[in-house]
Amino acid sequence: MATEAAATTTTPDLLPIPQPPDFHPTVLIPSQNDKLRFWHLMVAGSIAGSVEHMAMFPVDTIKTHMQTIRSCPIKPVGISQAFRSIVKTEGPSALYRGIWAMGLGAGPAHAVYFSFYEVSKKYLSRGNPNNSLAHAVSGVFATVASDAVFTPMDMVKQRLQIGKGMYGGVWDCVRRVMREEGFGAFYASYRTTVLMNAPFTAVHFATYEAVKRGLREISPEFVGGEEEEEEGLLVYATAGAAGGGLAAVLTTPLDVVKTQLQCQGVCGCDRFKSGSIRDVFRTIIKKDGYRGLARGWLPRMLFHAPAAAICWSTYETVKSFFHDVNSAA
C-alpha cells in the first residue's frame, strides 16, 4: 500500500509536458524593431556605415593601390610594401585621400542598406529568428538598393585614392568625370558591384545572424540589456567580424574587377573598351595570372572584419538607444 501511495504521488511529476509539434527549445531574443520606425533604422544605418568606413579608410586605400593594374608588368605587392610606398612617395595624408567622398556616399547608402534589410527580414522571416535563407535574401535586396546610392561616390573615392594631383578634390573629380566620360562612368562598375555584394551580403548577414544566435545560445546572459550591455556589444562585434571577414575573402576576385572598372584610365591604369566583366577577368589573368584575382584579399579581410564589427556594434547600439527613447516616451 505504501508503495502504491508513493507511486501515486510521484506519477504527476514524471508526466511529459505536451509541446506543439514544431517546438524547439532555444533562446528567445526579443526584437526591438517592432517599436522602431523606418527613419530610426535609416539613422542607425547611416551612423554605423559612416563610422565603419571612416575608421578603416587607410586599410581601404592600401587595398585599392594593391588591386590597381597599371600598363607596366605587375610585381607582387604585400601590405607592408604598399603602405611604405604610399607613405614614402605621397606622405601619410595620402592614406586618407578620398575620405570625404566615402563620407558622402557611406551615410546615405548604409541608411538604405540597413532599413531595407530590416524591413525585408521582418517580412520574409515571418517571425522566425532562425531563418538563415530569409536573412541572406534580405541582404541581397539591401545591397542592390544601397549599391545604386553608393557606387558613384565609391568610384570617386577610388580615383582620388590612386590619382595623386590628378583631381582637386571630390567635386572637381565629379565635374571632370561628368564632362570627359559622361554620367555612365559613375555606374561603370555597378553590375560588378552588385554581383560582388549580393553574395558578399548573403554570406555576411547569414553568418552574422547565425553566429549571433549561436553565441547567445551558448551564453544566454549575453542577450544584452542594461546589466549586460558590454556582453551584448561583444556578441555583435564578434558576429559582425566573422561575417565580414568570411564574405570579404570569398568575393575578392569580383572586388578586383570592380576596382579595375572604377579606376580605368587613371594614373596609367588599363582602360577597357567595354564594361564586360569577362573582358576584365581575361585582362587580369593575362597580365597577372590567376593570382591577380586574389590581389588585395588580405587587406580586404583586414578591412571588413573589424569594419563589420564596428558597424554592427554601432548599428545595434543606436537601435537600442531609439528603443529606450521610445519606451520612455
C-alpha atoms as a PDB file:
ATOM      1  CA  MET A   1       0.000   0.000   0.000  1.00  0.00           C
ATOM      2  CA  ALA A   2       2.828   2.376   0.881  1.00  0.00           C
ATOM      3  CA  THR A   3       4.493   1.660  -2.449  1.00  0.00           C
ATOM      4  CA  GLU A   4       1.284   2.284  -4.363  1.00  0.00           C
ATOM      5  CA  ALA A   5       0.759   5.528  -2.466  1.00  0.00           C
ATOM      6  CA  ALA A   6       4.277   6.678  -3.267  1.00  0.00           C
ATOM      7  CA  ALA A   7       3.811   5.850  -6.945  1.00  0.00           C
ATOM      8  CA  THR A   8       0.520   7.727  -6.964  1.00  0.00           C
ATOM      9  CA  THR A   9       2.094  10.848  -5.504  1.00  0.00           C
ATOM     10  CA  THR A  10       5.133  10.861  -7.795  1.00  0.00           C
ATOM     11  CA  THR A  11       3.415   9.999 -11.088  1.00  0.00           C
ATOM     12  CA  PRO A  12       2.280  13.585 -11.916  1.00  0.00           C
ATOM     13  CA  ASP A  13       5.887  14.783 -11.646  1.00  0.00           C
ATOM     14  CA  LEU A  14       7.001  12.230 -14.230  1.00  0.00           C
ATOM     15  CA  LEU A  15       4.393  13.007 -16.871  1.00  0.00           C
ATOM     16  CA  PRO A  16       5.876  14.664 -20.002  1.00  0.00           C
ATOM     17  CA  ILE A  17       4.777  18.210 -20.693  1.00  0.00           C
ATOM     18  CA  PRO A  18       2.921  18.283 -24.020  1.00  0.00           C
ATOM     19  CA  GLN A  19       4.530  20.540 -26.623  1.00  0.00           C
ATOM     20  CA  PRO A  20       3.433  21.610 -30.098  1.00  0.00           C
ATOM     21  CA  PRO A  21       4.957  19.557 -32.951  1.00  0.00           C
ATOM     22  CA  ASP A  22       7.360  22.319 -34.056  1.00  0.00           C
ATOM     23  CA  PHE A  23       8.646  23.126 -30.557  1.00  0.00           C
ATOM     24  CA  HIS A  24      12.426  23.532 -30.328  1.00  0.00           C
ATOM     25  CA  PRO A  25      13.994  24.799 -27.095  1.00  0.00           C
ATOM     26  CA  THR A  26      16.053  27.880 -27.921  1.00  0.00           C
ATOM     27  CA  VAL A  27      16.983  31.261 -26.609  1.00  0.00           C
ATOM     28  CA  LEU A  28      14.218  33.720 -27.323  1.00  0.00           C
ATOM     29  CA  ILE A  29      15.662  37.083 -28.323  1.00  0.00           C
ATOM     30  CA  PRO A  30      13.155  39.920 -28.169  1.00  0.00           C
ATOM     31  CA  SER A  31      13.013  42.007 -31.322  1.00  0.00           C
ATOM     32  CA  GLN A  32      13.475  45.721 -30.899  1.00  0.00           C
ATOM     33  CA  ASN A  33      12.453  46.545 -34.448  1.00  0.00           C
ATOM     34  CA  ASP A  34       8.725  46.277 -33.783  1.00  0.00           C
ATOM     35  CA  LYS A  35       8.811  49.565 -31.883  1.00  0.00           C
ATOM     36  CA  LEU A  36      11.189  51.339 -34.255  1.00  0.00           C
ATOM     37  CA  ARG A  37      10.110  53.459 -37.174  1.00  0.00           C
ATOM     38  CA  PHE A  38      11.629  53.302 -40.633  1.00  0.00           C
ATOM     39  CA  TRP A  39      13.595  56.517 -40.111  1.00  0.00           C
ATOM     40  CA  HIS A  40      15.088  55.103 -36.901  1.00  0.00           C
ATOM     41  CA  LEU A  41      16.605  52.246 -38.917  1.00  0.00           C
ATOM     42  CA  MET A  42      17.882  54.676 -41.569  1.00  0.00           C
ATOM     43  CA  VAL A  43      19.573  56.910 -38.990  1.00  0.00           C
ATOM     44  CA  ALA A  44      21.119  53.923 -37.196  1.00  0.00           C
ATOM     45  CA  GLY A  45      22.400  52.512 -40.502  1.00  0.00           C
ATOM     46  CA  SER A  46      23.756  55.877 -41.630  1.00  0.00           C
ATOM     47  CA  ILE A  47      25.723  56.400 -38.428  1.00  0.00           C
ATOM     48  CA  ALA A  48      27.015  52.811 -38.454  1.00  0.00           C
ATOM     49  CA  GLY A  49      28.166  52.986 -42.082  1.00  0.00           C
ATOM     50  CA  SER A  50      29.920  56.322 -41.659  1.00  0.00           C
ATOM     51  CA  VAL A  51      31.776  55.230 -38.508  1.00  0.00           C
ATOM     52  CA  GLU A  52      32.787  51.912 -40.105  1.00  0.00           C
ATOM     53  CA  HIS A  53      34.257  53.317 -43.317  1.00  0.00           C
ATOM     54  CA  MET A  54      35.917  56.370 -41.817  1.00  0.00           C
ATOM     55  CA  ALA A  55      37.644  54.296 -39.127  1.00  0.00           C
ATOM     56  CA  MET A  56      39.041  51.751 -41.588  1.00  0.00           C
ATOM     57  CA  PHE A  57      39.762  54.076 -44.519  1.00  0.00           C
ATOM     58  CA  PRO A  58      43.605  53.750 -44.548  1.00  0.00           C
ATOM     59  CA  VAL A  59      43.308  49.972 -44.964  1.00  0.00           C
ATOM     60  CA  ASP A  60      40.907  50.517 -47.867  1.00  0.00           C
ATOM     61  CA  THR A  61      43.423  52.856 -49.513  1.00  0.00           C
ATOM     62  CA  ILE A  62      46.142  50.205 -49.284  1.00  0.00           C
ATOM     63  CA  LYS A  63      43.801  47.599 -50.782  1.00  0.00           C
ATOM     64  CA  THR A  64      42.928  49.892 -53.711  1.00  0.00           C
ATOM     65  CA  HIS A  65      46.606  50.500 -54.518  1.00  0.00           C
ATOM     66  CA  MET A  66      47.295  46.752 -54.400  1.00  0.00           C
ATOM     67  CA  GLN A  67      44.425  45.938 -56.762  1.00  0.00           C
ATOM     68  CA  THR A  68      45.018  48.506 -59.498  1.00  0.00           C
ATOM     69  CA  ILE A  69      46.637  47.142 -62.651  1.00  0.00           C
ATOM     70  CA  ARG A  70      48.886  49.599 -64.439  1.00  0.00           C
ATOM     71  CA  SER A  71      50.173  49.401 -68.017  1.00  0.00           C
ATOM     72  CA  CYS A  72      53.557  48.108 -66.817  1.00  0.00           C
ATOM     73  CA  PRO A  73      54.222  44.482 -65.765  1.00  0.00           C
ATOM     74  CA  ILE A  74      52.983  43.675 -62.283  1.00  0.00           C
ATOM     75  CA  LYS A  75      55.093  42.610 -59.356  1.00  0.00           C
ATOM     76  CA  PRO A  76      53.652  41.050 -56.203  1.00  0.00           C
ATOM     77  CA  VAL A  77      52.983  43.717 -53.573  1.00  0.00           C
ATOM     78  CA  GLY A  78      52.367  42.996 -49.904  1.00  0.00           C
ATOM     79  CA  ILE A  79      50.535  45.107 -47.351  1.00  0.00           C
ATOM     80  CA  SER A  80      53.663  46.479 -45.650  1.00  0.00           C
ATOM     81  CA  GLN A  81      55.298  47.210 -49.005  1.00  0.00           C
ATOM     82  CA  ALA A  82      52.206  49.047 -50.269  1.00  0.00           C
ATOM     83  CA  PHE A  83      51.957  51.000 -47.018  1.00  0.00           C
ATOM     84  CA  ARG A  84      55.608  52.083 -47.103  1.00  0.00           C
ATOM     85  CA  SER A  85      55.352  53.027 -50.776  1.00  0.00           C
ATOM     86  CA  ILE A  86      52.315  55.250 -50.227  1.00  0.00           C
ATOM     87  CA  VAL A  87      53.762  56.993 -47.174  1.00  0.00           C
ATOM     88  CA  LYS A  88      57.222  57.441 -48.732  1.00  0.00           C
ATOM     89  CA  THR A  89      56.098  58.795 -52.116  1.00  0.00           C
ATOM     90  CA  GLU A  90      52.930  60.695 -51.184  1.00  0.00           C
ATOM     91  CA  GLY A  91      53.055  61.230 -47.432  1.00  0.00           C
ATOM     92  CA  PRO A  92      50.837  59.887 -44.610  1.00  0.00           C
ATOM     93  CA  SER A  93      47.930  62.116 -45.674  1.00  0.00           C
ATOM     94  CA  ALA A  94      47.611  60.041 -48.848  1.00  0.00           C
ATOM     95  CA  LEU A  95      46.131  57.237 -46.748  1.00  0.00           C
ATOM     96  CA  TYR A  96      43.092  59.480 -46.216  1.00  0.00           C
ATOM     97  CA  ARG A  97      42.778  60.966 -49.699  1.00  0.00           C
ATOM     98  CA  GLY A  98      39.189  60.453 -50.843  1.00  0.00           C
ATOM     99  CA  ILE A  99      37.750  60.079 -47.352  1.00  0.00           C
ATOM    100  CA  TRP A 100      35.206  62.850 -47.905  1.00  0.00           C
ATOM    101  CA  ALA A 101      33.821  61.027 -50.936  1.00  0.00           C
ATOM    102  CA  MET A 102      33.471  57.975 -48.726  1.00  0.00           C
ATOM    103  CA  GLY A 103      31.681  60.024 -46.081  1.00  0.00           C
ATOM    104  CA  LEU A 104      29.226  61.453 -48.616  1.00  0.00           C
ATOM    105  CA  GLY A 105      28.418  58.017 -50.002  1.00  0.00           C
ATOM    106  CA  ALA A 106      28.575  55.737 -46.966  1.00  0.00           C
ATOM    107  CA  GLY A 107      25.979  57.514 -44.817  1.00  0.00           C
ATOM    108  CA  PRO A 108      23.068  57.538 -47.309  1.00  0.00           C
ATOM    109  CA  ALA A 109      23.997  54.111 -48.719  1.00  0.00           C
ATOM    110  CA  HIS A 110      24.031  52.423 -45.316  1.00  0.00           C
ATOM    111  CA  ALA A 111      20.787  54.133 -44.354  1.00  0.00           C
ATOM    112  CA  VAL A 112      19.204  52.411 -47.362  1.00  0.00           C
ATOM    113  CA  TYR A 113      21.169  49.207 -46.697  1.00  0.00           C
ATOM    114  CA  PHE A 114      20.055  48.549 -43.130  1.00  0.00           C
ATOM    115  CA  SER A 115      16.498  49.841 -43.452  1.00  0.00           C
ATOM    116  CA  PHE A 116      15.860  47.636 -46.494  1.00  0.00           C
ATOM    117  CA  TYR A 117      17.438  44.700 -44.674  1.00  0.00           C
ATOM    118  CA  GLU A 118      15.312  45.074 -41.550  1.00  0.00           C
ATOM    119  CA  VAL A 119      12.063  45.506 -43.465  1.00  0.00           C
ATOM    120  CA  SER A 120      12.811  42.573 -45.794  1.00  0.00           C
ATOM    121  CA  LYS A 121      13.933  40.348 -42.903  1.00  0.00           C
ATOM    122  CA  LYS A 122      10.760  41.077 -40.942  1.00  0.00           C
ATOM    123  CA  TYR A 123       8.590  40.249 -43.957  1.00  0.00           C
ATOM    124  CA  LEU A 124      10.463  37.166 -45.205  1.00  0.00           C
ATOM    125  CA  SER A 125      11.316  35.526 -41.874  1.00  0.00           C
ATOM    126  CA  ARG A 126       7.717  35.802 -40.596  1.00  0.00           C
ATOM    127  CA  GLY A 127       8.905  35.990 -37.007  1.00  0.00           C
ATOM    128  CA  ASN A 128      11.326  33.046 -37.246  1.00  0.00           C
ATOM    129  CA  PRO A 129      14.756  34.231 -35.967  1.00  0.00           C
ATOM    130  CA  ASN A 130      16.425  31.028 -37.247  1.00  0.00           C
ATOM    131  CA  ASN A 131      15.533  31.573 -40.919  1.00  0.00           C
ATOM    132  CA  SER A 132      19.006  31.949 -42.464  1.00  0.00           C
ATOM    133  CA  LEU A 133      17.607  31.973 -46.008  1.00  0.00           C
ATOM    134  CA  ALA A 134      15.429  34.992 -45.182  1.00  0.00           C
ATOM    135  CA  HIS A 135      18.484  36.777 -43.757  1.00  0.00           C
ATOM    136  CA  ALA A 136      20.528  36.042 -46.870  1.00  0.00           C
ATOM    137  CA  VAL A 137      17.806  37.093 -49.330  1.00  0.00           C
ATOM    138  CA  SER A 138      17.110  40.241 -47.308  1.00  0.00           C
ATOM    139  CA  GLY A 139      20.796  41.072 -47.521  1.00  0.00           C
ATOM    140  CA  VAL A 140      20.730  40.731 -51.303  1.00  0.00           C
ATOM    141  CA  PHE A 141      17.725  43.087 -51.561  1.00  0.00           C
ATOM    142  CA  ALA A 142      19.521  45.562 -49.327  1.00  0.00           C
ATOM    143  CA  THR A 143      22.733  45.583 -51.351  1.00  0.00           C
ATOM    144  CA  VAL A 144      21.013  46.034 -54.728  1.00  0.00           C
ATOM    145  CA  ALA A 145      19.316  49.163 -53.380  1.00  0.00           C
ATOM    146  CA  SER A 146      22.290  50.567 -51.458  1.00  0.00           C
ATOM    147  CA  ASP A 147      24.791  49.987 -54.283  1.00  0.00           C
ATOM    148  CA  ALA A 148      22.720  52.249 -56.528  1.00  0.00           C
ATOM    149  CA  VAL A 149      23.366  55.017 -53.997  1.00  0.00           C
ATOM    150  CA  PHE A 150      26.980  54.200 -53.114  1.00  0.00           C
ATOM    151  CA  THR A 151      28.603  53.258 -56.455  1.00  0.00           C
ATOM    152  CA  PRO A 152      29.107  56.810 -57.840  1.00  0.00           C
ATOM    153  CA  MET A 153      30.897  58.054 -54.719  1.00  0.00           C
ATOM    154  CA  ASP A 154      32.838  54.808 -54.426  1.00  0.00           C
ATOM    155  CA  MET A 155      34.196  55.420 -57.924  1.00  0.00           C
ATOM    156  CA  VAL A 156      35.170  58.988 -56.993  1.00  0.00           C
ATOM    157  CA  LYS A 157      36.771  57.744 -53.783  1.00  0.00           C
ATOM    158  CA  GLN A 158      38.943  55.168 -55.556  1.00  0.00           C
ATOM    159  CA  ARG A 159      40.090  57.624 -58.213  1.00  0.00           C
ATOM    160  CA  LEU A 160      41.131  60.073 -55.533  1.00  0.00           C
ATOM    161  CA  GLN A 161      42.950  57.303 -53.642  1.00  0.00           C
ATOM    162  CA  ILE A 162      45.294  56.487 -56.532  1.00  0.00           C
ATOM    163  CA  GLY A 163      45.233  59.728 -58.536  1.00  0.00           C
ATOM    164  CA  LYS A 164      47.780  61.930 -56.766  1.00  0.00           C
ATOM    165  CA  GLY A 165      47.442  65.516 -58.034  1.00  0.00           C
ATOM    166  CA  MET A 166      45.053  64.457 -60.788  1.00  0.00           C
ATOM    167  CA  TYR A 167      41.947  65.893 -59.148  1.00  0.00           C
ATOM    168  CA  GLY A 168      41.445  68.943 -56.945  1.00  0.00           C
ATOM    169  CA  GLY A 169      39.004  67.173 -54.669  1.00  0.00           C
ATOM    170  CA  VAL A 170      35.655  65.402 -54.645  1.00  0.00           C
ATOM    171  CA  TRP A 171      33.647  67.922 -56.656  1.00  0.00           C
ATOM    172  CA  ASP A 172      36.470  68.534 -59.154  1.00  0.00           C
ATOM    173  CA  CYS A 173      36.567  64.778 -59.776  1.00  0.00           C
ATOM    174  CA  VAL A 174      32.789  64.651 -60.200  1.00  0.00           C
ATOM    175  CA  ARG A 175      32.795  67.566 -62.678  1.00  0.00           C
ATOM    176  CA  ARG A 176      35.665  66.213 -64.745  1.00  0.00           C
ATOM    177  CA  VAL A 177      34.289  62.684 -64.954  1.00  0.00           C
ATOM    178  CA  MET A 178      30.895  64.053 -65.987  1.00  0.00           C
ATOM    179  CA  ARG A 179      32.454  66.295 -68.618  1.00  0.00           C
ATOM    180  CA  GLU A 180      35.044  63.875 -70.016  1.00  0.00           C
ATOM    181  CA  GLU A 181      33.407  60.469 -69.628  1.00  0.00           C
ATOM    182  CA  GLY A 182      29.703  61.102 -69.113  1.00  0.00           C
ATOM    183  CA  PHE A 183      27.235  60.077 -66.412  1.00  0.00           C
ATOM    184  CA  GLY A 184      27.604  56.388 -67.251  1.00  0.00           C
ATOM    185  CA  ALA A 185      31.158  56.390 -65.893  1.00  0.00           C
ATOM    186  CA  PHE A 186      29.795  56.713 -62.356  1.00  0.00           C
ATOM    187  CA  TYR A 187      27.995  53.378 -62.797  1.00  0.00           C
ATOM    188  CA  ALA A 188      30.598  51.544 -64.929  1.00  0.00           C
ATOM    189  CA  SER A 189      31.123  49.047 -62.110  1.00  0.00           C
ATOM    190  CA  TYR A 190      27.526  48.819 -60.873  1.00  0.00           C
ATOM    191  CA  ARG A 191      26.845  45.378 -62.339  1.00  0.00           C
ATOM    192  CA  THR A 192      30.117  44.051 -60.960  1.00  0.00           C
ATOM    193  CA  THR A 193      29.454  45.673 -57.605  1.00  0.00           C
ATOM    194  CA  VAL A 194      26.030  44.050 -57.341  1.00  0.00           C
ATOM    195  CA  LEU A 195      27.408  40.670 -58.466  1.00  0.00           C
ATOM    196  CA  MET A 196      30.083  41.013 -55.789  1.00  0.00           C
ATOM    197  CA  ASN A 197      27.970  42.450 -52.980  1.00  0.00           C
ATOM    198  CA  ALA A 198      24.984  40.140 -53.468  1.00  0.00           C
ATOM    199  CA  PRO A 199      26.915  37.008 -52.407  1.00  0.00           C
ATOM    200  CA  PHE A 200      29.014  39.117 -50.014  1.00  0.00           C
ATOM    201  CA  THR A 201      25.927  40.377 -48.221  1.00  0.00           C
ATOM    202  CA  ALA A 202      24.195  36.997 -48.300  1.00  0.00           C
ATOM    203  CA  VAL A 203      27.204  35.356 -46.622  1.00  0.00           C
ATOM    204  CA  HIS A 204      27.714  38.347 -44.321  1.00  0.00           C
ATOM    205  CA  PHE A 205      24.174  38.585 -42.974  1.00  0.00           C
ATOM    206  CA  ALA A 206      23.566  34.847 -42.780  1.00  0.00           C
ATOM    207  CA  THR A 207      26.855  34.347 -40.901  1.00  0.00           C
ATOM    208  CA  TYR A 208      26.198  37.344 -38.655  1.00  0.00           C
ATOM    209  CA  GLU A 209      22.743  36.146 -37.619  1.00  0.00           C
ATOM    210  CA  ALA A 210      23.925  32.541 -37.179  1.00  0.00           C
ATOM    211  CA  VAL A 211      26.980  33.447 -35.085  1.00  0.00           C
ATOM    212  CA  LYS A 212      24.983  35.942 -33.011  1.00  0.00           C
ATOM    213  CA  ARG A 213      22.315  33.328 -32.336  1.00  0.00           C
ATOM    214  CA  GLY A 214      24.948  30.695 -31.556  1.00  0.00           C
ATOM    215  CA  LEU A 215      26.777  32.921 -29.081  1.00  0.00           C
ATOM    216  CA  ARG A 216      23.540  33.781 -27.323  1.00  0.00           C
ATOM    217  CA  GLU A 217      22.548  30.121 -27.075  1.00  0.00           C
ATOM    218  CA  ILE A 218      25.946  29.240 -25.625  1.00  0.00           C
ATOM    219  CA  SER A 219      25.786  32.143 -23.159  1.00  0.00           C
ATOM    220  CA  PRO A 220      22.169  33.312 -22.762  1.00  0.00           C
ATOM    221  CA  GLU A 221      23.300  36.038 -20.377  1.00  0.00           C
ATOM    222  CA  PHE A 222      24.911  37.736 -23.386  1.00  0.00           C
ATOM    223  CA  VAL A 223      21.494  38.667 -24.793  1.00  0.00           C
ATOM    224  CA  GLY A 224      22.147  42.206 -23.647  1.00  0.00           C
ATOM    225  CA  GLY A 225      20.292  44.733 -21.599  1.00  0.00           C
ATOM    226  CA  GLU A 226      21.360  47.340 -19.100  1.00  0.00           C
ATOM    227  CA  GLU A 227      23.434  44.955 -16.975  1.00  0.00           C
ATOM    228  CA  GLU A 228      24.888  43.012 -19.900  1.00  0.00           C
ATOM    229  CA  GLU A 229      25.417  45.870 -22.341  1.00  0.00           C
ATOM    230  CA  GLU A 230      29.131  45.175 -22.771  1.00  0.00           C
ATOM    231  CA  GLU A 231      28.493  41.476 -23.352  1.00  0.00           C
ATOM    232  CA  GLY A 232      25.797  42.342 -25.897  1.00  0.00           C
ATOM    233  CA  LEU A 233      28.241  44.549 -27.809  1.00  0.00           C
ATOM    234  CA  LEU A 234      30.795  41.732 -27.718  1.00  0.00           C
ATOM    235  CA  VAL A 235      28.282  39.417 -29.400  1.00  0.00           C
ATOM    236  CA  TYR A 236      27.525  41.999 -32.127  1.00  0.00           C
ATOM    237  CA  ALA A 237      31.225  42.687 -32.712  1.00  0.00           C
ATOM    238  CA  THR A 238      32.218  39.001 -32.848  1.00  0.00           C
ATOM    239  CA  ALA A 239      29.360  38.031 -35.154  1.00  0.00           C
ATOM    240  CA  GLY A 240      29.988  41.056 -37.372  1.00  0.00           C
ATOM    241  CA  ALA A 241      33.703  40.322 -37.671  1.00  0.00           C
ATOM    242  CA  ALA A 242      33.048  36.673 -38.549  1.00  0.00           C
ATOM    243  CA  GLY A 243      30.502  37.573 -41.215  1.00  0.00           C
ATOM    244  CA  GLY A 244      32.518  40.427 -42.707  1.00  0.00           C
ATOM    245  CA  GLY A 245      35.821  38.563 -42.801  1.00  0.00           C
ATOM    246  CA  LEU A 246      34.418  35.415 -44.418  1.00  0.00           C
ATOM    247  CA  ALA A 247      32.388  37.326 -47.003  1.00  0.00           C
ATOM    248  CA  ALA A 248      35.368  39.544 -47.888  1.00  0.00           C
ATOM    249  CA  VAL A 249      37.688  36.634 -48.681  1.00  0.00           C
ATOM    250  CA  LEU A 250      35.124  34.796 -50.819  1.00  0.00           C
ATOM    251  CA  THR A 251      34.293  37.817 -53.002  1.00  0.00           C
ATOM    252  CA  THR A 252      37.799  39.274 -53.539  1.00  0.00           C
ATOM    253  CA  PRO A 253      38.016  38.362 -57.288  1.00  0.00           C
ATOM    254  CA  LEU A 254      34.955  40.460 -58.098  1.00  0.00           C
ATOM    255  CA  ASP A 255      36.288  43.283 -55.950  1.00  0.00           C
ATOM    256  CA  VAL A 256      39.466  43.303 -58.070  1.00  0.00           C
ATOM    257  CA  VAL A 257      37.313  43.554 -61.214  1.00  0.00           C
ATOM    258  CA  LYS A 258      35.313  46.399 -59.672  1.00  0.00           C
ATOM    259  CA  THR A 259      38.494  48.340 -58.877  1.00  0.00           C
ATOM    260  CA  GLN A 260      39.713  47.967 -62.484  1.00  0.00           C
ATOM    261  CA  LEU A 261      36.454  49.329 -63.876  1.00  0.00           C
ATOM    262  CA  GLN A 262      36.332  52.274 -61.485  1.00  0.00           C
ATOM    263  CA  CYS A 263      39.980  53.298 -61.889  1.00  0.00           C
ATOM    264  CA  GLN A 264      40.413  52.716 -65.623  1.00  0.00           C
ATOM    265  CA  GLY A 265      42.412  55.427 -67.332  1.00  0.00           C
ATOM    266  CA  VAL A 266      43.682  56.927 -64.057  1.00  0.00           C
ATOM    267  CA  CYS A 267      47.453  57.105 -63.437  1.00  0.00           C
ATOM    268  CA  GLY A 268      48.299  54.503 -66.061  1.00  0.00           C
ATOM    269  CA  CYS A 269      45.547  52.013 -65.214  1.00  0.00           C
ATOM    270  CA  ASP A 270      44.234  49.999 -68.148  1.00  0.00           C
ATOM    271  CA  ARG A 271      41.193  51.336 -69.970  1.00  0.00           C
ATOM    272  CA  PHE A 272      38.678  48.768 -71.193  1.00  0.00           C
ATOM    273  CA  LYS A 273      36.801  49.045 -74.471  1.00  0.00           C
ATOM    274  CA  SER A 274      33.692  47.624 -72.863  1.00  0.00           C
ATOM    275  CA  GLY A 275      32.381  47.237 -69.350  1.00  0.00           C
ATOM    276  CA  SER A 276      32.263  43.468 -69.781  1.00  0.00           C
ATOM    277  CA  ILE A 277      33.166  41.622 -66.604  1.00  0.00           C
ATOM    278  CA  ARG A 278      34.520  38.760 -68.737  1.00  0.00           C
ATOM    279  CA  ASP A 279      36.925  41.093 -70.562  1.00  0.00           C
ATOM    280  CA  VAL A 280      38.254  42.447 -67.272  1.00  0.00           C
ATOM    281  CA  PHE A 281      38.739  38.925 -65.926  1.00  0.00           C
ATOM    282  CA  ARG A 282      40.685  37.969 -69.062  1.00  0.00           C
ATOM    283  CA  THR A 283      42.890  41.069 -68.826  1.00  0.00           C
ATOM    284  CA  ILE A 284      43.719  40.405 -65.183  1.00  0.00           C
ATOM    285  CA  ILE A 285      44.547  36.746 -65.823  1.00  0.00           C
ATOM    286  CA  LYS A 286      46.618  37.629 -68.913  1.00  0.00           C
ATOM    287  CA  LYS A 287      48.737  40.256 -67.138  1.00  0.00           C
ATOM    288  CA  ASP A 288      48.926  38.849 -63.620  1.00  0.00           C
ATOM    289  CA  GLY A 289      47.751  35.242 -63.777  1.00  0.00           C
ATOM    290  CA  TYR A 290      45.075  33.795 -61.559  1.00  0.00           C
ATOM    291  CA  ARG A 291      46.841  35.214 -58.515  1.00  0.00           C
ATOM    292  CA  GLY A 292      45.758  38.635 -59.771  1.00  0.00           C
ATOM    293  CA  LEU A 293      42.172  37.769 -58.877  1.00  0.00           C
ATOM    294  CA  ALA A 294      43.237  37.383 -55.239  1.00  0.00           C
ATOM    295  CA  ARG A 295      45.208  40.626 -55.177  1.00  0.00           C
ATOM    296  CA  GLY A 296      44.356  42.585 -52.048  1.00  0.00           C
ATOM    297  CA  TRP A 297      42.486  39.744 -50.313  1.00  0.00           C
ATOM    298  CA  LEU A 298      44.331  40.205 -47.020  1.00  0.00           C
ATOM    299  CA  PRO A 299      43.771  43.966 -46.595  1.00  0.00           C
ATOM    300  CA  ARG A 300      40.202  43.413 -47.779  1.00  0.00           C
ATOM    301  CA  MET A 301      39.668  40.886 -44.998  1.00  0.00           C
ATOM    302  CA  LEU A 302      41.533  43.083 -42.501  1.00  0.00           C
ATOM    303  CA  PHE A 303      39.221  45.914 -43.534  1.00  0.00           C
ATOM    304  CA  HIS A 304      35.898  44.115 -43.477  1.00  0.00           C
ATOM    305  CA  ALA A 305      36.316  42.021 -40.326  1.00  0.00           C
ATOM    306  CA  PRO A 306      36.887  44.953 -37.909  1.00  0.00           C
ATOM    307  CA  ALA A 307      34.744  47.258 -40.054  1.00  0.00           C
ATOM    308  CA  ALA A 308      31.778  44.895 -39.770  1.00  0.00           C
ATOM    309  CA  ALA A 309      32.392  44.564 -36.035  1.00  0.00           C
ATOM    310  CA  ILE A 310      32.366  48.370 -35.697  1.00  0.00           C
ATOM    311  CA  CYS A 311      29.373  48.723 -37.998  1.00  0.00           C
ATOM    312  CA  TRP A 312      27.144  46.123 -36.327  1.00  0.00           C
ATOM    313  CA  SER A 313      28.061  47.264 -32.813  1.00  0.00           C
ATOM    314  CA  THR A 314      27.277  50.873 -33.709  1.00  0.00           C
ATOM    315  CA  TYR A 315      24.076  49.933 -35.521  1.00  0.00           C
ATOM    316  CA  GLU A 316      22.711  47.776 -32.701  1.00  0.00           C
ATOM    317  CA  THR A 317      23.709  50.415 -30.115  1.00  0.00           C
ATOM    318  CA  VAL A 318      21.879  53.191 -31.961  1.00  0.00           C
ATOM    319  CA  LYS A 319      18.844  50.929 -32.369  1.00  0.00           C
ATOM    320  CA  SER A 320      18.895  50.221 -28.625  1.00  0.00           C
ATOM    321  CA  PHE A 321      19.084  53.957 -27.963  1.00  0.00           C
ATOM    322  CA  PHE A 322      15.999  54.632 -30.088  1.00  0.00           C
ATOM    323  CA  HIS A 323      14.229  51.711 -28.464  1.00  0.00           C
ATOM    324  CA  ASP A 324      14.937  53.087 -24.972  1.00  0.00           C
ATOM    325  CA  VAL A 325      13.752  56.554 -26.028  1.00  0.00           C
ATOM    326  CA  ASN A 326      10.514  55.115 -27.408  1.00  0.00           C
ATOM    327  CA  SER A 327       9.963  53.019 -24.278  1.00  0.00           C
ATOM    328  CA  ALA A 328      10.465  56.029 -22.020  1.00  0.00           C
ATOM    329  CA  ALA A 329       8.083  58.200 -24.059  1.00  0.00           C
END
